[in-house]
Amino acid sequence: MVLYFNNYAFTKLQRMEKVIIGRIDRADFPKLGLSDIDIKIDTGAYTSSIHCNHIREEDNILCCTFLDPKHPEYNGKEMRFSDYDITAVKSSNGEIQYRYVVQSNITIFQKTFKISLTLSSREDMRFPVLIGRKFLTKKFIVDTELTDVSHSQKVL
């Protein structure tokens, strides 16, 4: 069976390979040493971002600390990245910001995926991590009525 949507053909098999994720969940970021971090799924955002502090470049090495000192998973550990980039990100109000981007990984639904994360100050936001379309594409279907779908399946 072939389904058509916006001039794209999908087989029933292709459609079933995507996992349903809710609007919020929790994830692990093994390379960053972070576990059970609240994430918000945002199909309006293209990039994914994570809250961090004390961002600086030192001898072509990017240094930063993830999360906020008030966050229960905050460890104060400074992370160092030799492989990083800078990208332009358009905010919801149309303003363009330039942010550092690092490559990391994320574990959800008991699988670990590669993810590009922009570094930003999200201290005024409820969720320290925002997951955007670039990561979600071809992997997930978002059901906004659901929450913590991956976390509820996590084996402790």
N, C-alpha and C. Protein backbone atom coordinates (compact mmCIF):
# COMPACT_ATOMS: atom_id res chain seq x y z
N MET A 1 0.84 -1.18 0.00
CA MET A 1 0.00 0.00 0.00
C MET A 1 0.88 1.24 0.00
N VAL A 2 0.56 2.20 -0.85
CA VAL A 2 1.31 3.45 -0.92
C VAL A 2 0.38 4.59 -0.54
N LEU A 3 0.85 5.44 0.37
CA LEU A 3 0.10 6.62 0.80
C LEU A 3 0.78 7.85 0.20
N TYR A 4 -0.01 8.85 -0.17
CA TYR A 4 0.55 10.07 -0.72
C TYR A 4 0.22 11.25 0.20
N PHE A 5 1.24 12.08 0.49
CA PHE A 5 1.06 13.26 1.32
C PHE A 5 2.00 14.33 0.78
N ASN A 6 1.45 15.46 0.38
CA ASN A 6 2.24 16.57 -0.17
C ASN A 6 3.21 16.09 -1.25
N ASN A 7 2.70 15.29 -2.17
CA ASN A 7 3.47 14.76 -3.30
C ASN A 7 4.59 13.79 -2.90
N TYR A 8 4.58 13.31 -1.65
CA TYR A 8 5.55 12.30 -1.22
C TYR A 8 4.83 10.97 -1.11
N ALA A 9 5.47 9.93 -1.57
CA ALA A 9 4.89 8.59 -1.47
C ALA A 9 5.49 7.88 -0.27
N PHE A 10 4.63 7.31 0.56
CA PHE A 10 5.07 6.55 1.73
C PHE A 10 4.45 5.17 1.66
N THR A 11 5.26 4.18 1.91
CA THR A 11 4.67 2.85 2.02
C THR A 11 4.20 2.69 3.46
N LYS A 12 3.32 1.76 3.69
CA LYS A 12 2.82 1.50 5.04
C LYS A 12 3.99 1.13 5.96
N LEU A 13 4.95 0.39 5.44
CA LEU A 13 6.11 -0.02 6.22
C LEU A 13 6.93 1.19 6.66
N GLN A 14 7.19 2.14 5.77
CA GLN A 14 7.96 3.33 6.12
C GLN A 14 7.27 4.11 7.23
N ARG A 15 5.99 4.21 7.14
CA ARG A 15 5.22 4.98 8.12
C ARG A 15 5.28 4.32 9.49
N MET A 16 5.28 3.00 9.54
CA MET A 16 5.25 2.29 10.81
C MET A 16 6.61 2.30 11.52
N GLU A 17 7.70 2.60 10.81
CA GLU A 17 9.02 2.60 11.42
C GLU A 17 9.21 3.78 12.38
N LYS A 18 8.43 4.82 12.25
CA LYS A 18 8.55 5.97 13.12
C LYS A 18 7.93 5.66 14.48
N VAL A 19 8.54 6.20 15.52
CA VAL A 19 8.10 5.99 16.89
C VAL A 19 7.27 7.20 17.32
N ILE A 20 6.21 6.95 18.07
CA ILE A 20 5.38 8.05 18.57
C ILE A 20 5.99 8.59 19.85
N ILE A 21 6.20 9.90 19.87
CA ILE A 21 6.73 10.58 21.03
C ILE A 21 5.74 11.67 21.44
N GLY A 22 5.67 11.95 22.73
CA GLY A 22 4.77 12.99 23.23
C GLY A 22 5.40 14.37 23.19
N ARG A 23 4.68 15.35 23.70
CA ARG A 23 5.17 16.74 23.64
C ARG A 23 6.29 17.02 24.64
N ILE A 24 6.35 16.23 25.72
CA ILE A 24 7.45 16.34 26.68
C ILE A 24 7.88 14.93 27.07
N ASP A 25 9.13 14.82 27.51
CA ASP A 25 9.66 13.51 27.91
C ASP A 25 10.92 13.74 28.73
N ARG A 26 11.65 12.67 28.96
CA ARG A 26 12.96 12.76 29.62
C ARG A 26 13.95 11.94 28.82
N ALA A 27 15.19 12.39 28.80
CA ALA A 27 16.21 11.71 28.01
C ALA A 27 17.55 11.74 28.74
N ASP A 28 18.44 10.85 28.31
CA ASP A 28 19.80 10.83 28.81
C ASP A 28 20.72 11.38 27.72
N PHE A 29 21.78 12.03 28.14
CA PHE A 29 22.81 12.54 27.24
C PHE A 29 24.14 11.97 27.72
N PRO A 30 24.43 10.71 27.34
CA PRO A 30 25.60 10.00 27.89
C PRO A 30 26.93 10.71 27.73
N LYS A 31 27.21 11.29 26.57
CA LYS A 31 28.50 11.98 26.36
C LYS A 31 28.65 13.19 27.26
N LEU A 32 27.51 13.74 27.69
CA LEU A 32 27.54 14.93 28.55
C LEU A 32 27.42 14.57 30.03
N GLY A 33 27.23 13.29 30.33
CA GLY A 33 27.09 12.84 31.71
C GLY A 33 25.78 13.26 32.35
N LEU A 34 24.71 13.40 31.55
CA LEU A 34 23.42 13.87 32.06
C LEU A 34 22.37 12.78 31.91
N SER A 35 21.56 12.57 32.96
CA SER A 35 20.51 11.55 32.94
C SER A 35 19.17 12.14 33.33
N ASP A 36 18.11 11.56 32.79
CA ASP A 36 16.73 11.94 33.12
C ASP A 36 16.49 13.45 33.02
N ILE A 37 16.91 14.02 31.92
CA ILE A 37 16.76 15.46 31.69
C ILE A 37 15.42 15.72 31.00
N ASP A 38 14.66 16.68 31.52
CA ASP A 38 13.39 17.05 30.91
C ASP A 38 13.64 17.64 29.52
N ILE A 39 12.88 17.13 28.54
CA ILE A 39 12.99 17.65 27.17
C ILE A 39 11.61 18.06 26.68
N LYS A 40 11.59 19.09 25.86
CA LYS A 40 10.35 19.53 25.22
C LYS A 40 10.50 19.30 23.73
N ILE A 41 9.52 18.66 23.14
CA ILE A 41 9.51 18.40 21.71
C ILE A 41 8.87 19.61 21.04
N ASP A 42 9.60 20.23 20.13
CA ASP A 42 9.12 21.46 19.50
C ASP A 42 9.23 21.36 17.99
N THR A 43 8.13 21.02 17.33
CA THR A 43 8.14 20.88 15.88
C THR A 43 8.24 22.24 15.18
N GLY A 44 8.10 23.32 15.93
CA GLY A 44 8.25 24.66 15.37
C GLY A 44 9.71 25.09 15.29
N ALA A 45 10.57 24.38 16.02
CA ALA A 45 12.00 24.69 16.02
C ALA A 45 12.72 23.73 15.08
N TYR A 46 13.66 24.25 14.32
CA TYR A 46 14.43 23.37 13.44
C TYR A 46 15.55 22.69 14.22
N THR A 47 16.30 23.47 15.00
CA THR A 47 17.44 22.92 15.73
C THR A 47 17.04 22.50 17.14
N SER A 48 17.87 21.69 17.75
CA SER A 48 17.70 21.30 19.15
C SER A 48 18.67 22.13 19.97
N SER A 49 18.28 22.46 21.20
CA SER A 49 19.17 23.27 22.03
C SER A 49 19.18 22.77 23.46
N ILE A 50 20.27 23.07 24.15
CA ILE A 50 20.43 22.68 25.54
C ILE A 50 20.93 23.88 26.33
N HIS A 51 20.47 23.97 27.57
CA HIS A 51 20.85 25.09 28.43
C HIS A 51 22.28 24.89 28.93
N CYS A 52 23.07 25.93 28.84
CA CYS A 52 24.41 25.87 29.41
C CYS A 52 24.85 27.25 29.88
N ASN A 53 25.90 27.26 30.69
CA ASN A 53 26.46 28.47 31.28
C ASN A 53 27.94 28.58 30.93
N HIS A 54 28.49 29.73 31.22
CA HIS A 54 29.94 29.95 31.16
C HIS A 54 30.54 29.48 29.85
N ILE A 55 29.93 29.87 28.75
CA ILE A 55 30.43 29.47 27.43
C ILE A 55 31.60 30.37 27.05
N ARG A 56 32.71 29.73 26.68
CA ARG A 56 33.87 30.51 26.24
C ARG A 56 34.75 29.66 25.33
N GLU A 57 35.50 30.34 24.48
CA GLU A 57 36.49 29.68 23.63
C GLU A 57 37.87 29.94 24.23
N GLU A 58 38.66 28.88 24.28
CA GLU A 58 40.00 28.99 24.84
C GLU A 58 40.95 28.14 24.00
N ASP A 59 41.84 28.76 23.25
CA ASP A 59 42.78 28.04 22.37
C ASP A 59 42.06 27.07 21.44
N ASN A 60 41.03 27.55 20.76
CA ASN A 60 40.23 26.75 19.81
C ASN A 60 39.50 25.57 20.46
N ILE A 61 39.27 25.66 21.75
CA ILE A 61 38.48 24.67 22.49
C ILE A 61 37.27 25.41 23.06
N LEU A 62 36.08 24.85 22.86
CA LEU A 62 34.86 25.43 23.41
C LEU A 62 34.65 24.84 24.80
N CYS A 63 34.47 25.70 25.79
CA CYS A 63 34.26 25.27 27.17
C CYS A 63 32.90 25.76 27.64
N CYS A 64 32.19 24.91 28.39
CA CYS A 64 30.89 25.31 28.94
C CYS A 64 30.48 24.36 30.05
N THR A 65 29.47 24.77 30.80
CA THR A 65 28.88 23.96 31.86
C THR A 65 27.41 23.81 31.53
N PHE A 66 26.92 22.58 31.57
CA PHE A 66 25.52 22.33 31.21
C PHE A 66 24.59 22.44 32.40
N LEU A 67 23.37 22.87 32.11
CA LEU A 67 22.27 23.03 33.06
C LEU A 67 22.51 24.20 33.99
N ASP A 68 21.62 24.38 34.93
CA ASP A 68 21.63 25.48 35.86
C ASP A 68 22.01 24.95 37.24
N PRO A 69 22.73 25.69 38.05
CA PRO A 69 23.09 25.20 39.38
C PRO A 69 21.89 24.74 40.23
N LYS A 70 20.70 25.26 39.93
CA LYS A 70 19.50 24.84 40.68
C LYS A 70 18.93 23.51 40.19
N HIS A 71 19.39 23.04 39.03
CA HIS A 71 18.86 21.80 38.45
C HIS A 71 19.41 20.60 39.22
N PRO A 72 18.55 19.60 39.53
CA PRO A 72 19.02 18.43 40.30
C PRO A 72 20.14 17.63 39.63
N GLU A 73 20.26 17.69 38.32
CA GLU A 73 21.31 16.95 37.61
C GLU A 73 22.57 17.79 37.37
N TYR A 74 22.55 19.03 37.85
CA TYR A 74 23.72 19.91 37.65
C TYR A 74 24.92 19.31 38.38
N ASN A 75 26.04 19.20 37.66
CA ASN A 75 27.24 18.65 38.30
C ASN A 75 28.41 19.64 38.31
N GLY A 76 28.24 20.79 37.69
CA GLY A 76 29.27 21.81 37.70
C GLY A 76 30.50 21.48 36.86
N LYS A 77 30.47 20.33 36.21
CA LYS A 77 31.62 19.88 35.43
C LYS A 77 31.73 20.68 34.13
N GLU A 78 32.91 21.22 33.90
CA GLU A 78 33.13 21.95 32.66
C GLU A 78 33.41 20.95 31.54
N MET A 79 32.66 21.08 30.46
CA MET A 79 32.85 20.22 29.29
C MET A 79 33.68 20.99 28.27
N ARG A 80 34.51 20.25 27.53
CA ARG A 80 35.39 20.85 26.54
C ARG A 80 35.17 20.16 25.20
N PHE A 81 35.03 20.97 24.14
CA PHE A 81 34.78 20.45 22.79
C PHE A 81 35.81 21.03 21.83
N SER A 82 36.51 20.15 21.14
CA SER A 82 37.44 20.61 20.11
C SER A 82 36.73 20.68 18.75
N ASP A 83 35.65 19.92 18.63
CA ASP A 83 34.86 19.90 17.39
C ASP A 83 33.54 20.62 17.65
N TYR A 84 33.44 21.83 17.16
CA TYR A 84 32.22 22.63 17.34
C TYR A 84 32.08 23.57 16.16
N ASP A 85 30.92 24.18 16.08
CA ASP A 85 30.65 25.10 14.97
C ASP A 85 29.80 26.24 15.51
N ILE A 86 29.52 27.21 14.66
CA ILE A 86 28.62 28.31 15.00
C ILE A 86 27.54 28.35 13.93
N THR A 87 26.29 28.52 14.35
CA THR A 87 25.18 28.57 13.40
C THR A 87 24.25 29.72 13.73
N ALA A 88 23.52 30.16 12.74
CA ALA A 88 22.50 31.20 12.93
C ALA A 88 21.18 30.51 13.25
N VAL A 89 20.53 30.96 14.32
CA VAL A 89 19.24 30.40 14.73
C VAL A 89 18.24 31.54 14.80
N LYS A 90 17.10 31.36 14.13
CA LYS A 90 16.03 32.36 14.15
C LYS A 90 15.09 32.03 15.30
N SER A 91 14.93 32.96 16.24
CA SER A 91 14.05 32.74 17.38
C SER A 91 12.59 32.90 16.98
N SER A 92 11.70 32.55 17.89
CA SER A 92 10.27 32.62 17.60
C SER A 92 9.80 34.04 17.30
N ASN A 93 10.53 35.05 17.79
CA ASN A 93 10.15 36.44 17.50
C ASN A 93 10.85 36.98 16.24
N GLY A 94 11.56 36.09 15.51
CA GLY A 94 12.19 36.48 14.26
C GLY A 94 13.61 36.99 14.38
N GLU A 95 14.09 37.12 15.60
CA GLU A 95 15.45 37.61 15.83
C GLU A 95 16.47 36.51 15.54
N ILE A 96 17.56 36.87 14.87
CA ILE A 96 18.60 35.89 14.56
C ILE A 96 19.69 35.95 15.63
N GLN A 97 20.01 34.78 16.18
CA GLN A 97 21.08 34.65 17.16
C GLN A 97 22.14 33.72 16.58
N TYR A 98 23.39 33.96 16.94
CA TYR A 98 24.47 33.05 16.55
C TYR A 98 24.82 32.21 17.77
N ARG A 99 24.79 30.89 17.58
CA ARG A 99 25.02 29.97 18.69
C ARG A 99 26.08 28.94 18.33
N TYR A 100 26.75 28.48 19.37
CA TYR A 100 27.67 27.35 19.20
C TYR A 100 26.85 26.09 19.02
N VAL A 101 27.39 25.16 18.23
CA VAL A 101 26.76 23.85 18.01
C VAL A 101 27.78 22.77 18.33
N VAL A 102 27.35 21.77 19.12
CA VAL A 102 28.21 20.62 19.42
C VAL A 102 27.48 19.35 19.02
N GLN A 103 28.27 18.33 18.73
CA GLN A 103 27.70 17.01 18.40
C GLN A 103 27.72 16.18 19.67
N SER A 104 26.61 15.53 19.95
CA SER A 104 26.52 14.71 21.15
C SER A 104 25.67 13.49 20.82
N ASN A 105 25.11 12.90 21.87
CA ASN A 105 24.15 11.81 21.66
C ASN A 105 23.03 11.93 22.68
N ILE A 106 21.92 11.30 22.35
CA ILE A 106 20.73 11.33 23.20
C ILE A 106 20.18 9.91 23.26
N THR A 107 19.79 9.49 24.45
CA THR A 107 19.18 8.17 24.60
C THR A 107 17.71 8.35 24.97
N ILE A 108 16.84 7.89 24.07
CA ILE A 108 15.40 7.84 24.30
C ILE A 108 14.89 6.54 23.70
N PHE A 109 13.80 6.05 24.26
CA PHE A 109 13.23 4.78 23.82
C PHE A 109 14.31 3.69 23.81
N GLN A 110 15.21 3.76 24.79
CA GLN A 110 16.28 2.77 24.98
C GLN A 110 17.20 2.63 23.76
N LYS A 111 17.25 3.69 22.94
CA LYS A 111 18.16 3.74 21.80
C LYS A 111 18.97 5.03 21.88
N THR A 112 20.21 4.96 21.44
CA THR A 112 21.06 6.14 21.45
C THR A 112 21.23 6.64 20.02
N PHE A 113 21.00 7.94 19.85
CA PHE A 113 21.06 8.60 18.55
C PHE A 113 22.09 9.73 18.61
N LYS A 114 22.66 10.08 17.47
CA LYS A 114 23.49 11.28 17.36
C LYS A 114 22.56 12.49 17.32
N ILE A 115 23.02 13.59 17.91
CA ILE A 115 22.21 14.81 17.89
C ILE A 115 23.13 16.04 17.87
N SER A 116 22.74 17.04 17.10
CA SER A 116 23.42 18.34 17.10
C SER A 116 22.67 19.21 18.10
N LEU A 117 23.40 19.83 19.02
CA LEU A 117 22.79 20.68 20.04
C LEU A 117 23.37 22.09 19.96
N THR A 118 22.50 23.08 19.85
CA THR A 118 22.97 24.46 19.97
C THR A 118 23.01 24.78 21.45
N LEU A 119 23.96 25.60 21.84
CA LEU A 119 24.12 25.97 23.25
C LEU A 119 23.44 27.31 23.47
N SER A 120 22.55 27.35 24.46
CA SER A 120 21.83 28.60 24.70
C SER A 120 21.48 28.74 26.17
N SER A 121 21.14 29.94 26.54
CA SER A 121 20.67 30.20 27.90
C SER A 121 19.17 29.95 27.93
N ARG A 122 18.77 28.89 28.61
CA ARG A 122 17.36 28.55 28.74
C ARG A 122 16.95 28.63 30.21
N GLU A 123 17.65 29.42 31.01
CA GLU A 123 17.39 29.45 32.44
C GLU A 123 15.98 29.93 32.79
N ASP A 124 15.39 30.73 31.92
CA ASP A 124 14.02 31.20 32.18
C ASP A 124 12.98 30.23 31.64
N MET A 125 13.42 29.15 31.02
CA MET A 125 12.51 28.17 30.43
C MET A 125 12.32 26.98 31.37
N ARG A 126 11.15 26.35 31.29
CA ARG A 126 10.85 25.20 32.14
C ARG A 126 11.68 23.98 31.75
N PHE A 127 11.99 23.84 30.46
CA PHE A 127 12.71 22.67 29.96
C PHE A 127 14.13 23.06 29.56
N PRO A 128 15.13 22.40 30.11
CA PRO A 128 16.51 22.74 29.76
C PRO A 128 16.91 22.30 28.35
N VAL A 129 16.12 21.39 27.75
CA VAL A 129 16.43 20.91 26.40
C VAL A 129 15.21 21.03 25.52
N LEU A 130 15.42 21.55 24.32
CA LEU A 130 14.38 21.65 23.30
C LEU A 130 14.82 20.76 22.14
N ILE A 131 13.95 19.87 21.70
CA ILE A 131 14.25 18.96 20.59
C ILE A 131 13.50 19.45 19.36
N GLY A 132 14.24 19.75 18.30
CA GLY A 132 13.66 20.31 17.09
C GLY A 132 13.51 19.31 15.95
N ARG A 133 12.97 19.82 14.84
CA ARG A 133 12.65 18.97 13.68
C ARG A 133 13.85 18.28 13.06
N LYS A 134 15.00 18.92 13.07
CA LYS A 134 16.19 18.31 12.46
C LYS A 134 16.45 16.93 13.06
N PHE A 135 16.29 16.80 14.37
CA PHE A 135 16.49 15.50 15.03
C PHE A 135 15.28 14.58 14.84
N LEU A 136 14.08 15.12 14.92
CA LEU A 136 12.85 14.32 14.89
C LEU A 136 12.58 13.68 13.53
N THR A 137 12.97 14.37 12.45
CA THR A 137 12.65 13.94 11.09
C THR A 137 13.09 12.51 10.82
N LYS A 138 12.18 11.74 10.24
CA LYS A 138 12.38 10.35 9.84
C LYS A 138 12.51 9.37 11.00
N LYS A 139 12.36 9.87 12.25
CA LYS A 139 12.46 8.99 13.40
C LYS A 139 11.19 8.95 14.24
N PHE A 140 10.52 10.11 14.36
CA PHE A 140 9.42 10.22 15.31
C PHE A 140 8.19 10.90 14.71
N ILE A 141 7.05 10.55 15.27
CA ILE A 141 5.79 11.24 15.02
C ILE A 141 5.38 11.80 16.38
N VAL A 142 5.03 13.07 16.42
CA VAL A 142 4.70 13.73 17.68
C VAL A 142 3.19 13.70 17.92
N ASP A 143 2.80 13.18 19.09
CA ASP A 143 1.41 13.19 19.53
C ASP A 143 1.35 14.13 20.73
N THR A 144 0.79 15.32 20.54
CA THR A 144 0.80 16.35 21.58
C THR A 144 -0.05 16.02 22.80
N GLU A 145 -0.86 14.99 22.71
CA GLU A 145 -1.65 14.58 23.88
C GLU A 145 -0.84 13.72 24.84
N LEU A 146 0.31 13.23 24.41
CA LEU A 146 1.09 12.30 25.22
C LEU A 146 2.26 12.99 25.91
N THR A 147 2.68 12.43 27.05
CA THR A 147 3.87 12.90 27.76
C THR A 147 4.64 11.69 28.30
N ASP A 148 5.94 11.85 28.44
CA ASP A 148 6.82 10.84 29.04
C ASP A 148 6.68 9.44 28.46
N VAL A 149 6.47 9.33 27.16
CA VAL A 149 6.30 8.02 26.51
C VAL A 149 7.60 7.22 26.62
N SER A 150 8.73 7.82 26.29
CA SER A 150 10.01 7.12 26.36
C SER A 150 10.38 6.81 27.81
N HIS A 151 10.24 7.79 28.68
CA HIS A 151 10.64 7.61 30.08
C HIS A 151 9.83 6.50 30.75
N SER A 152 8.56 6.37 30.40
CA SER A 152 7.73 5.33 31.01
C SER A 152 8.16 3.93 30.57
N GLN A 153 8.90 3.83 29.46
CA GLN A 153 9.39 2.54 28.96
C GLN A 153 10.82 2.25 29.40
N LYS A 154 11.43 3.19 30.11
CA LYS A 154 12.84 3.05 30.49
C LYS A 154 13.03 1.93 31.50
N VAL A 155 14.01 1.09 31.23
CA VAL A 155 14.35 0.00 32.14
C VAL A 155 15.41 0.53 33.09
N LEU A 156 15.12 0.46 34.38
CA LEU A 156 16.07 1.01 35.36
C LEU A 156 17.06 -0.03 35.82
